[in-house]
């Protein structure tokens, strides 16, 4: 778990540690990087590291959550006509800030960004209110499904060389959802459509 206070000094130290981790990743595999390596790279004391983070994975988790907070900071409920617009703005943010996605891919830890997205989705629910007519159990699935879709799309987008725009990514999602809707056709008719 990360324990980075909101004050500027602690945030700056965490940012220095993250930058040092990025530098170290150019020389070593993620699993071989030590706190001493980070210390040599950024000069932040060992005690400062352990005050903020339990381990190296926490550094990436903190950075992902910081990015999600930044991506969502300007969002207000009245800014969006629908969920698609929110997702498109979300993709726009990540197309401009894909370096952390590249690092997550490099260290083979997609679970970190998925968990950060789910926590951010929970925070959105608290900030903007619960979904009307959705039970607590349904809400958890609602968040899990959207988190999985968004992370899967971002991963594929990166594998494809980040060619598609946020709008094109949303069109791909809309097409897939419409194909799911078509799956309610009788089995013989659905087979011909796929």
C-alpha atoms as a PDB file:
ATOM      1  CA  UNK A   1       0.000   0.000   0.000  1.00  0.00           C
ATOM      2  CA  UNK A   2       1.141   3.514  -0.565  1.00  0.00           C
ATOM      3  CA  UNK A   3       0.859   6.162   2.150  1.00  0.00           C
ATOM      4  CA  UNK A   4       1.697   9.415   0.382  1.00  0.00           C
ATOM      5  CA  UNK A   5       0.214  12.421   2.178  1.00  0.00           C
ATOM      6  CA  UNK A   6      -1.405  15.176   0.126  1.00  0.00           C
ATOM      7  CA  UNK A   7       1.159  17.823   1.113  1.00  0.00           C
ATOM      8  CA  UNK A   8       3.451  19.175  -1.622  1.00  0.00           C
ATOM      9  CA  UNK A   9       6.685  17.963  -0.067  1.00  0.00           C
ATOM     10  CA  UNK A  10       5.495  14.358   0.227  1.00  0.00           C
ATOM     11  CA  UNK A  11       4.047  14.472  -3.299  1.00  0.00           C
ATOM     12  CA  UNK A  12       7.346  15.806  -4.640  1.00  0.00           C
ATOM     13  CA  UNK A  13       9.309  13.052  -2.887  1.00  0.00           C
ATOM     14  CA  UNK A  14       6.950  10.416  -4.307  1.00  0.00           C
ATOM     15  CA  UNK A  15       7.375  11.924  -7.778  1.00  0.00           C
ATOM     16  CA  UNK A  16      11.180  11.807  -7.392  1.00  0.00           C
ATOM     17  CA  UNK A  17      10.961   8.157  -6.358  1.00  0.00           C
ATOM     18  CA  UNK A  18       8.751   7.376  -9.366  1.00  0.00           C
ATOM     19  CA  UNK A  19      11.182   9.178 -11.710  1.00  0.00           C
ATOM     20  CA  UNK A  20      14.072   7.217 -10.189  1.00  0.00           C
ATOM     21  CA  UNK A  21      12.157   3.980 -10.743  1.00  0.00           C
ATOM     22  CA  UNK A  22      11.728   4.924 -14.423  1.00  0.00           C
ATOM     23  CA  UNK A  23      15.472   5.537 -14.727  1.00  0.00           C
ATOM     24  CA  UNK A  24      16.298   2.252 -13.000  1.00  0.00           C
ATOM     25  CA  UNK A  25      13.912   0.372 -15.317  1.00  0.00           C
ATOM     26  CA  UNK A  26      16.162   1.364 -18.219  1.00  0.00           C
ATOM     27  CA  UNK A  27      19.008  -0.589 -16.600  1.00  0.00           C
ATOM     28  CA  UNK A  28      17.357  -3.393 -14.613  1.00  0.00           C
ATOM     29  CA  UNK A  29      14.247  -5.521 -14.570  1.00  0.00           C
ATOM     30  CA  UNK A  30      11.529  -4.381 -12.196  1.00  0.00           C
ATOM     31  CA  UNK A  31      12.006  -7.332  -9.826  1.00  0.00           C
ATOM     32  CA  UNK A  32      15.721  -6.550  -9.403  1.00  0.00           C
ATOM     33  CA  UNK A  33      15.382  -2.864  -8.501  1.00  0.00           C
ATOM     34  CA  UNK A  34      16.072  -2.092  -4.852  1.00  0.00           C
ATOM     35  CA  UNK A  35      15.400   0.875  -2.620  1.00  0.00           C
ATOM     36  CA  UNK A  36      19.158   1.477  -2.649  1.00  0.00           C
ATOM     37  CA  UNK A  37      19.007   1.795  -6.455  1.00  0.00           C
ATOM     38  CA  UNK A  38      16.298   4.417  -6.100  1.00  0.00           C
ATOM     39  CA  UNK A  39      18.299   6.250  -3.437  1.00  0.00           C
ATOM     40  CA  UNK A  40      21.335   6.451  -5.714  1.00  0.00           C
ATOM     41  CA  UNK A  41      19.196   7.697  -8.580  1.00  0.00           C
ATOM     42  CA  UNK A  42      17.171  10.394  -6.820  1.00  0.00           C
ATOM     43  CA  UNK A  43      18.800  11.031  -3.450  1.00  0.00           C
ATOM     44  CA  UNK A  44      15.597  10.460  -1.461  1.00  0.00           C
ATOM     45  CA  UNK A  45      16.287   8.811   1.890  1.00  0.00           C
ATOM     46  CA  UNK A  46      15.368   5.196   2.544  1.00  0.00           C
ATOM     47  CA  UNK A  47      13.092   6.307   5.390  1.00  0.00           C
ATOM     48  CA  UNK A  48      11.249   8.632   2.994  1.00  0.00           C
ATOM     49  CA  UNK A  49      10.631   5.700   0.655  1.00  0.00           C
ATOM     50  CA  UNK A  50       9.236   3.493   3.436  1.00  0.00           C
ATOM     51  CA  UNK A  51       7.158   6.338   4.842  1.00  0.00           C
ATOM     52  CA  UNK A  52       5.371   6.541   1.484  1.00  0.00           C
ATOM     53  CA  UNK A  53       5.538   3.003   0.079  1.00  0.00           C
ATOM     54  CA  UNK A  54       5.685  -0.588   1.275  1.00  0.00           C
ATOM     55  CA  UNK A  55       7.344  -1.903  -1.904  1.00  0.00           C
ATOM     56  CA  UNK A  56       8.159  -1.075  -5.555  1.00  0.00           C
ATOM     57  CA  UNK A  57       4.700  -2.037  -6.802  1.00  0.00           C
ATOM     58  CA  UNK A  58       3.244   0.651  -4.548  1.00  0.00           C
ATOM     59  CA  UNK A  59       5.205   3.300  -6.464  1.00  0.00           C
ATOM     60  CA  UNK A  60       3.443   2.284  -9.686  1.00  0.00           C
ATOM     61  CA  UNK A  61       0.098   2.001  -7.924  1.00  0.00           C
ATOM     62  CA  UNK A  62       0.499   5.523  -6.515  1.00  0.00           C
ATOM     63  CA  UNK A  63       1.421   6.923  -9.931  1.00  0.00           C
ATOM     64  CA  UNK A  64      -1.574   5.229 -11.601  1.00  0.00           C
ATOM     65  CA  UNK A  65      -3.944   6.574  -8.952  1.00  0.00           C
ATOM     66  CA  UNK A  66      -2.385  10.032  -9.296  1.00  0.00           C
ATOM     67  CA  UNK A  67      -3.012   9.889 -13.042  1.00  0.00           C
ATOM     68  CA  UNK A  68      -6.628   8.808 -12.534  1.00  0.00           C
ATOM     69  CA  UNK A  69      -7.186  11.654 -10.060  1.00  0.00           C
ATOM     70  CA  UNK A  70      -5.681  14.083 -12.544  1.00  0.00           C
ATOM     71  CA  UNK A  71      -7.776  12.673 -15.401  1.00  0.00           C
ATOM     72  CA  UNK A  72     -10.962  12.966 -13.354  1.00  0.00           C
ATOM     73  CA  UNK A  73     -10.201  16.185 -11.482  1.00  0.00           C
ATOM     74  CA  UNK A  74     -11.989  18.505 -13.864  1.00  0.00           C
ATOM     75  CA  UNK A  75     -14.982  16.262 -14.398  1.00  0.00           C
ATOM     76  CA  UNK A  76     -18.355  17.321 -13.068  1.00  0.00           C
ATOM     77  CA  UNK A  77     -21.657  15.482 -13.589  1.00  0.00           C
ATOM     78  CA  UNK A  78     -23.110  18.266 -15.726  1.00  0.00           C
ATOM     79  CA  UNK A  79     -20.081  18.110 -18.078  1.00  0.00           C
ATOM     80  CA  UNK A  80     -21.257  14.866 -19.646  1.00  0.00           C
ATOM     81  CA  UNK A  81     -24.284  14.033 -21.665  1.00  0.00           C
ATOM     82  CA  UNK A  82     -23.603  10.300 -21.286  1.00  0.00           C
ATOM     83  CA  UNK A  83     -21.115   7.676 -20.230  1.00  0.00           C
ATOM     84  CA  UNK A  84     -19.563   7.537 -23.712  1.00  0.00           C
ATOM     85  CA  UNK A  85     -18.432  11.155 -23.427  1.00  0.00           C
ATOM     86  CA  UNK A  86     -16.831  10.424 -20.063  1.00  0.00           C
ATOM     87  CA  UNK A  87     -15.012   7.417 -21.528  1.00  0.00           C
ATOM     88  CA  UNK A  88     -13.872   9.423 -24.550  1.00  0.00           C
ATOM     89  CA  UNK A  89     -12.395  12.120 -22.289  1.00  0.00           C
ATOM     90  CA  UNK A  90     -10.786   9.361 -20.241  1.00  0.00           C
ATOM     91  CA  UNK A  91      -9.155   7.921 -23.385  1.00  0.00           C
ATOM     92  CA  UNK A  92      -8.047  11.410 -24.427  1.00  0.00           C
ATOM     93  CA  UNK A  93      -6.200  11.771 -21.124  1.00  0.00           C
ATOM     94  CA  UNK A  94      -4.414   8.433 -21.541  1.00  0.00           C
ATOM     95  CA  UNK A  95      -3.412   9.135 -25.144  1.00  0.00           C
ATOM     96  CA  UNK A  96      -1.578  12.195 -23.803  1.00  0.00           C
ATOM     97  CA  UNK A  97      -0.128  10.398 -20.737  1.00  0.00           C
ATOM     98  CA  UNK A  98       0.702   6.915 -21.974  1.00  0.00           C
ATOM     99  CA  UNK A  99       4.159   6.675 -20.397  1.00  0.00           C
ATOM    100  CA  UNK A 100       2.829   5.033 -17.212  1.00  0.00           C
ATOM    101  CA  UNK A 101       0.878   2.565 -19.375  1.00  0.00           C
ATOM    102  CA  UNK A 102       4.136   1.667 -21.136  1.00  0.00           C
ATOM    103  CA  UNK A 103       5.842   1.074 -17.796  1.00  0.00           C
ATOM    104  CA  UNK A 104       2.962  -1.093 -16.534  1.00  0.00           C
ATOM    105  CA  UNK A 105       3.201  -3.100 -19.754  1.00  0.00           C
ATOM    106  CA  UNK A 106       6.996  -3.398 -19.443  1.00  0.00           C
ATOM    107  CA  UNK A 107       6.830  -4.735 -15.882  1.00  0.00           C
ATOM    108  CA  UNK A 108       3.900  -7.014 -16.815  1.00  0.00           C
ATOM    109  CA  UNK A 109       1.607  -5.754 -14.046  1.00  0.00           C
ATOM    110  CA  UNK A 110      -1.737  -4.798 -15.650  1.00  0.00           C
ATOM    111  CA  UNK A 111      -3.349  -5.628 -12.308  1.00  0.00           C
ATOM    112  CA  UNK A 112      -1.920  -2.387 -10.908  1.00  0.00           C
ATOM    113  CA  UNK A 113      -3.707  -0.117 -13.357  1.00  0.00           C
ATOM    114  CA  UNK A 114      -6.899  -2.196 -13.238  1.00  0.00           C
ATOM    115  CA  UNK A 115      -7.023  -1.881  -9.437  1.00  0.00           C
ATOM    116  CA  UNK A 116      -6.322   1.868  -9.689  1.00  0.00           C
ATOM    117  CA  UNK A 117      -9.156   2.277 -12.197  1.00  0.00           C
ATOM    118  CA  UNK A 118     -11.587   0.369  -9.988  1.00  0.00           C
ATOM    119  CA  UNK A 119     -10.669   2.539  -6.984  1.00  0.00           C
ATOM    120  CA  UNK A 120     -11.137   5.653  -9.127  1.00  0.00           C
ATOM    121  CA  UNK A 121     -14.518   4.403 -10.339  1.00  0.00           C
ATOM    122  CA  UNK A 122     -15.536   3.902  -6.720  1.00  0.00           C
ATOM    123  CA  UNK A 123     -14.437   7.476  -5.967  1.00  0.00           C
ATOM    124  CA  UNK A 124     -16.529   8.736  -8.904  1.00  0.00           C
ATOM    125  CA  UNK A 125     -19.547   6.932  -7.485  1.00  0.00           C
ATOM    126  CA  UNK A 126     -19.033   8.652  -4.148  1.00  0.00           C
ATOM    127  CA  UNK A 127     -18.476  12.045  -5.794  1.00  0.00           C
ATOM    128  CA  UNK A 128     -21.352  11.935  -8.282  1.00  0.00           C
ATOM    129  CA  UNK A 129     -23.813   9.730  -6.417  1.00  0.00           C
ATOM    130  CA  UNK A 130     -25.044   6.193  -6.769  1.00  0.00           C
ATOM    131  CA  UNK A 131     -26.601   4.898  -9.925  1.00  0.00           C
ATOM    132  CA  UNK A 132     -30.395   4.967  -9.680  1.00  0.00           C
ATOM    133  CA  UNK A 133     -32.013   1.547  -9.616  1.00  0.00           C
ATOM    134  CA  UNK A 134     -28.702  -0.310  -9.273  1.00  0.00           C
ATOM    135  CA  UNK A 135     -28.180  -2.585  -6.267  1.00  0.00           C
ATOM    136  CA  UNK A 136     -24.876  -2.761  -4.400  1.00  0.00           C
ATOM    137  CA  UNK A 137     -24.054  -6.118  -6.020  1.00  0.00           C
ATOM    138  CA  UNK A 138     -24.918  -4.794  -9.484  1.00  0.00           C
ATOM    139  CA  UNK A 139     -22.826  -1.684  -8.846  1.00  0.00           C
ATOM    140  CA  UNK A 140     -19.724  -3.789  -8.200  1.00  0.00           C
ATOM    141  CA  UNK A 141     -20.240  -5.623 -11.497  1.00  0.00           C
ATOM    142  CA  UNK A 142     -20.967  -2.318 -13.252  1.00  0.00           C
ATOM    143  CA  UNK A 143     -17.580  -0.990 -12.142  1.00  0.00           C
ATOM    144  CA  UNK A 144     -15.732  -4.264 -12.840  1.00  0.00           C
ATOM    145  CA  UNK A 145     -17.146  -4.555 -16.373  1.00  0.00           C
ATOM    146  CA  UNK A 146     -16.294  -0.971 -17.283  1.00  0.00           C
ATOM    147  CA  UNK A 147     -12.845  -1.217 -15.722  1.00  0.00           C
ATOM    148  CA  UNK A 148     -12.130  -4.413 -17.629  1.00  0.00           C
ATOM    149  CA  UNK A 149     -13.330  -2.952 -20.922  1.00  0.00           C
ATOM    150  CA  UNK A 150     -11.370   0.280 -20.533  1.00  0.00           C
ATOM    151  CA  UNK A 151      -8.166  -1.490 -19.508  1.00  0.00           C
ATOM    152  CA  UNK A 152      -8.528  -4.063 -22.290  1.00  0.00           C
ATOM    153  CA  UNK A 153      -9.038  -1.323 -24.867  1.00  0.00           C
ATOM    154  CA  UNK A 154      -6.030   0.648 -23.592  1.00  0.00           C
ATOM    155  CA  UNK A 155      -3.856  -2.493 -23.673  1.00  0.00           C
ATOM    156  CA  UNK A 156      -4.893  -3.338 -27.228  1.00  0.00           C
ATOM    157  CA  UNK A 157      -4.459   0.295 -28.281  1.00  0.00           C
ATOM    158  CA  UNK A 158      -0.867   0.166 -27.021  1.00  0.00           C
ATOM    159  CA  UNK A 159      -0.189  -3.158 -28.769  1.00  0.00           C
ATOM    160  CA  UNK A 160      -1.493  -1.655 -32.015  1.00  0.00           C
ATOM    161  CA  UNK A 161       0.953   1.225 -31.810  1.00  0.00           C
ATOM    162  CA  UNK A 162      -1.461   3.819 -30.306  1.00  0.00           C
ATOM    163  CA  UNK A 163      -2.878   4.677 -33.738  1.00  0.00           C
ATOM    164  CA  UNK A 164      -6.549   5.217 -32.912  1.00  0.00           C
ATOM    165  CA  UNK A 165      -7.919   8.487 -31.570  1.00  0.00           C
ATOM    166  CA  UNK A 166     -10.132   8.574 -28.456  1.00  0.00           C
ATOM    167  CA  UNK A 167     -13.177   8.946 -30.715  1.00  0.00           C
ATOM    168  CA  UNK A 168     -12.134   5.911 -32.778  1.00  0.00           C
ATOM    169  CA  UNK A 169     -11.672   3.885 -29.582  1.00  0.00           C
ATOM    170  CA  UNK A 170     -15.221   4.783 -28.542  1.00  0.00           C
ATOM    171  CA  UNK A 171     -16.539   3.737 -31.955  1.00  0.00           C
ATOM    172  CA  UNK A 172     -14.824   0.364 -31.533  1.00  0.00           C
ATOM    173  CA  UNK A 173     -16.476  -0.052 -28.120  1.00  0.00           C
ATOM    174  CA  UNK A 174     -19.886   0.979 -29.488  1.00  0.00           C
ATOM    175  CA  UNK A 175     -19.549  -1.566 -32.304  1.00  0.00           C
ATOM    176  CA  UNK A 176     -18.688  -4.316 -29.832  1.00  0.00           C
ATOM    177  CA  UNK A 177     -21.627  -3.428 -27.607  1.00  0.00           C
ATOM    178  CA  UNK A 178     -23.982  -3.465 -30.585  1.00  0.00           C
ATOM    179  CA  UNK A 179     -22.634  -6.900 -31.510  1.00  0.00           C
ATOM    180  CA  UNK A 180     -23.423  -8.071 -27.968  1.00  0.00           C
ATOM    181  CA  UNK A 181     -26.955  -6.720 -28.368  1.00  0.00           C
ATOM    182  CA  UNK A 182     -27.290  -8.711 -31.589  1.00  0.00           C
ATOM    183  CA  UNK A 183     -26.407 -11.879 -29.689  1.00  0.00           C
ATOM    184  CA  UNK A 184     -29.981 -11.919 -28.386  1.00  0.00           C
ATOM    185  CA  UNK A 185     -31.069 -13.018 -31.887  1.00  0.00           C
ATOM    186  CA  UNK A 186     -31.992 -16.670 -32.399  1.00  0.00           C
ATOM    187  CA  UNK A 187     -28.845 -18.845 -32.576  1.00  0.00           C
ATOM    188  CA  UNK A 188     -29.148 -19.537 -36.329  1.00  0.00           C
ATOM    189  CA  UNK A 189     -29.472 -15.818 -37.161  1.00  0.00           C
ATOM    190  CA  UNK A 190     -26.702 -14.759 -34.751  1.00  0.00           C
ATOM    191  CA  UNK A 191     -24.203 -17.184 -36.349  1.00  0.00           C
ATOM    192  CA  UNK A 192     -24.590 -15.543 -39.744  1.00  0.00           C
ATOM    193  CA  UNK A 193     -23.957 -12.079 -38.283  1.00  0.00           C
ATOM    194  CA  UNK A 194     -20.648 -13.071 -36.637  1.00  0.00           C
END
